Amino acid sequence: MNLLTASLGKEYIIRHIATNDDELNQFLFSLGCYTGEPITVVSRRRGHCTVSIKDGRYSIDDQLARAIEV
């Protein structure tokens, strides 16, 4: 399951991030978004969703949300 199909408000554990872009992986890591960390989908809007990672909230596009498997 990816973040686009995850339930709103439910905490999940990141199982895998399916991206081949090392720069994007480093950026996500700096946000605390990596395998084994909890993540919660707060809301979904057209073209993006808001997620809660650690103590922060971030808006990510649908393509990245599809790549984060929980």
N, C-alpha and C. Protein backbone atom coordinates (compact mmCIF):
# COMPACT_ATOMS: atom_id res chain seq x y z
N MET A 1 0.85 -1.16 0.00
CA MET A 1 0.00 0.00 0.00
C MET A 1 0.90 1.23 0.00
N ASN A 2 0.48 2.26 -0.72
CA ASN A 2 1.23 3.51 -0.71
C ASN A 2 0.42 4.60 -0.01
N LEU A 3 0.97 5.80 0.08
CA LEU A 3 0.30 6.87 0.82
C LEU A 3 -0.99 7.35 0.16
N LEU A 4 -1.14 7.14 -1.14
CA LEU A 4 -2.38 7.55 -1.81
C LEU A 4 -3.55 6.66 -1.42
N THR A 5 -3.28 5.44 -1.02
CA THR A 5 -4.35 4.52 -0.64
C THR A 5 -4.45 4.35 0.87
N ALA A 6 -3.58 5.00 1.63
CA ALA A 6 -3.60 4.91 3.09
C ALA A 6 -4.77 5.70 3.66
N SER A 7 -5.27 5.27 4.80
CA SER A 7 -6.37 5.96 5.48
C SER A 7 -5.87 7.24 6.12
N LEU A 8 -6.71 8.26 6.10
CA LEU A 8 -6.37 9.53 6.73
C LEU A 8 -6.34 9.38 8.25
N GLY A 9 -5.35 9.99 8.88
CA GLY A 9 -5.26 10.02 10.32
C GLY A 9 -4.70 8.78 10.98
N LYS A 10 -4.42 7.74 10.22
CA LYS A 10 -3.88 6.50 10.78
C LYS A 10 -2.36 6.49 10.62
N GLU A 11 -1.66 6.11 11.68
CA GLU A 11 -0.20 6.06 11.63
C GLU A 11 0.26 4.75 10.99
N TYR A 12 1.19 4.87 10.06
CA TYR A 12 1.77 3.73 9.36
C TYR A 12 3.29 3.76 9.54
N ILE A 13 3.92 2.64 9.28
CA ILE A 13 5.38 2.54 9.28
C ILE A 13 5.84 2.47 7.82
N ILE A 14 6.81 3.29 7.47
CA ILE A 14 7.34 3.29 6.10
C ILE A 14 8.07 1.98 5.87
N ARG A 15 7.66 1.24 4.83
CA ARG A 15 8.28 -0.04 4.51
C ARG A 15 9.34 0.10 3.42
N HIS A 16 9.10 1.02 2.49
CA HIS A 16 10.02 1.16 1.35
C HIS A 16 9.73 2.48 0.64
N ILE A 17 10.77 3.09 0.08
CA ILE A 17 10.59 4.28 -0.75
C ILE A 17 11.14 3.93 -2.12
N ALA A 18 10.25 3.86 -3.10
CA ALA A 18 10.59 3.41 -4.45
C ALA A 18 10.98 4.59 -5.33
N THR A 19 12.20 5.08 -5.16
CA THR A 19 12.71 6.15 -6.01
C THR A 19 14.18 5.86 -6.32
N ASN A 20 14.59 6.17 -7.52
CA ASN A 20 15.98 5.95 -7.94
C ASN A 20 16.79 7.23 -7.89
N ASP A 21 16.24 8.29 -7.36
CA ASP A 21 16.89 9.58 -7.29
C ASP A 21 17.59 9.75 -5.94
N ASP A 22 18.92 9.69 -5.95
CA ASP A 22 19.68 9.79 -4.70
C ASP A 22 19.48 11.12 -4.00
N GLU A 23 19.37 12.20 -4.76
CA GLU A 23 19.16 13.52 -4.17
C GLU A 23 17.81 13.59 -3.45
N LEU A 24 16.79 13.02 -4.07
CA LEU A 24 15.47 12.97 -3.44
C LEU A 24 15.50 12.10 -2.19
N ASN A 25 16.19 10.98 -2.25
CA ASN A 25 16.32 10.11 -1.08
C ASN A 25 17.00 10.84 0.07
N GLN A 26 18.04 11.61 -0.21
CA GLN A 26 18.72 12.37 0.83
C GLN A 26 17.81 13.44 1.42
N PHE A 27 17.03 14.09 0.56
CA PHE A 27 16.10 15.11 1.03
C PHE A 27 15.05 14.49 1.96
N LEU A 28 14.48 13.37 1.55
CA LEU A 28 13.49 12.68 2.38
C LEU A 28 14.09 12.24 3.71
N PHE A 29 15.32 11.76 3.66
CA PHE A 29 16.02 11.34 4.88
C PHE A 29 16.18 12.52 5.83
N SER A 30 16.49 13.69 5.28
CA SER A 30 16.66 14.87 6.13
C SER A 30 15.35 15.30 6.79
N LEU A 31 14.21 14.92 6.20
CA LEU A 31 12.90 15.21 6.79
C LEU A 31 12.51 14.17 7.83
N GLY A 32 13.24 13.06 7.85
CA GLY A 32 12.89 11.96 8.75
C GLY A 32 12.05 10.91 8.08
N CYS A 33 11.97 10.96 6.76
CA CYS A 33 11.16 10.03 5.98
C CYS A 33 12.06 8.93 5.43
N TYR A 34 12.13 7.82 6.18
CA TYR A 34 12.94 6.68 5.75
C TYR A 34 12.34 5.40 6.33
N THR A 35 12.80 4.28 5.84
CA THR A 35 12.27 2.98 6.23
C THR A 35 12.28 2.80 7.74
N GLY A 36 11.15 2.33 8.26
CA GLY A 36 11.03 2.07 9.69
C GLY A 36 10.44 3.21 10.50
N GLU A 37 10.28 4.38 9.90
CA GLU A 37 9.76 5.54 10.63
C GLU A 37 8.24 5.62 10.47
N PRO A 38 7.55 6.11 11.51
CA PRO A 38 6.10 6.29 11.40
C PRO A 38 5.75 7.51 10.54
N ILE A 39 4.63 7.40 9.82
CA ILE A 39 4.14 8.49 8.98
C ILE A 39 2.62 8.46 9.01
N THR A 40 2.00 9.62 8.96
CA THR A 40 0.54 9.74 8.99
C THR A 40 0.10 10.65 7.86
N VAL A 41 -0.90 10.22 7.09
CA VAL A 41 -1.48 11.07 6.06
C VAL A 41 -2.53 11.95 6.75
N VAL A 42 -2.30 13.26 6.74
CA VAL A 42 -3.17 14.20 7.41
C VAL A 42 -4.33 14.62 6.51
N SER A 43 -4.04 14.91 5.24
CA SER A 43 -5.09 15.31 4.30
C SER A 43 -4.65 15.04 2.88
N ARG A 44 -5.64 15.02 1.98
CA ARG A 44 -5.37 14.87 0.55
C ARG A 44 -6.10 15.96 -0.19
N ARG A 45 -5.40 16.58 -1.10
CA ARG A 45 -5.99 17.58 -1.99
C ARG A 45 -5.65 17.18 -3.41
N ARG A 46 -6.21 17.87 -4.37
CA ARG A 46 -5.91 17.55 -5.76
C ARG A 46 -4.42 17.74 -6.03
N GLY A 47 -3.74 16.66 -6.39
CA GLY A 47 -2.34 16.75 -6.78
C GLY A 47 -1.33 16.61 -5.67
N HIS A 48 -1.77 16.63 -4.40
CA HIS A 48 -0.80 16.47 -3.31
C HIS A 48 -1.49 15.99 -2.04
N CYS A 49 -0.68 15.55 -1.10
CA CYS A 49 -1.22 15.19 0.21
C CYS A 49 -0.28 15.73 1.29
N THR A 50 -0.84 15.95 2.47
CA THR A 50 -0.09 16.44 3.60
C THR A 50 0.18 15.27 4.54
N VAL A 51 1.44 15.12 4.92
CA VAL A 51 1.83 14.02 5.80
C VAL A 51 2.49 14.58 7.05
N SER A 52 2.39 13.81 8.11
CA SER A 52 3.06 14.15 9.36
C SER A 52 4.18 13.15 9.58
N ILE A 53 5.41 13.67 9.70
CA ILE A 53 6.59 12.86 9.94
C ILE A 53 7.30 13.47 11.14
N LYS A 54 7.49 12.65 12.15
CA LYS A 54 8.08 13.14 13.41
C LYS A 54 7.27 14.33 13.90
N ASP A 55 7.86 15.50 14.09
CA ASP A 55 7.14 16.66 14.60
C ASP A 55 6.76 17.65 13.51
N GLY A 56 6.91 17.29 12.25
CA GLY A 56 6.62 18.22 11.16
C GLY A 56 5.53 17.73 10.23
N ARG A 57 4.94 18.69 9.51
CA ARG A 57 3.96 18.38 8.48
C ARG A 57 4.50 18.88 7.15
N TYR A 58 4.36 18.03 6.13
CA TYR A 58 4.91 18.34 4.82
C TYR A 58 3.89 18.04 3.74
N SER A 59 3.90 18.84 2.70
CA SER A 59 3.04 18.62 1.55
C SER A 59 3.88 17.94 0.47
N ILE A 60 3.42 16.80 -0.01
CA ILE A 60 4.14 16.07 -1.05
C ILE A 60 3.20 15.83 -2.22
N ASP A 61 3.77 15.76 -3.43
CA ASP A 61 2.92 15.54 -4.60
C ASP A 61 2.51 14.07 -4.70
N ASP A 62 1.53 13.81 -5.54
CA ASP A 62 0.98 12.46 -5.67
C ASP A 62 2.03 11.45 -6.15
N GLN A 63 2.95 11.89 -7.00
CA GLN A 63 3.96 10.97 -7.51
C GLN A 63 4.85 10.47 -6.36
N LEU A 64 5.26 11.35 -5.48
CA LEU A 64 6.08 10.94 -4.34
C LEU A 64 5.25 10.13 -3.35
N ALA A 65 4.00 10.50 -3.15
CA ALA A 65 3.12 9.75 -2.25
C ALA A 65 2.94 8.32 -2.74
N ARG A 66 2.90 8.15 -4.05
CA ARG A 66 2.78 6.82 -4.65
C ARG A 66 4.05 6.00 -4.43
N ALA A 67 5.20 6.66 -4.32
CA ALA A 67 6.48 5.98 -4.16
C ALA A 67 6.76 5.54 -2.72
N ILE A 68 6.06 6.13 -1.75
CA ILE A 68 6.28 5.78 -0.36
C ILE A 68 5.33 4.68 0.04
N GLU A 69 5.87 3.50 0.28
CA GLU A 69 5.06 2.32 0.62
C GLU A 69 5.03 2.12 2.11
N VAL A 70 3.82 1.88 2.62
CA VAL A 70 3.62 1.68 4.06
C VAL A 70 3.01 0.32 4.32
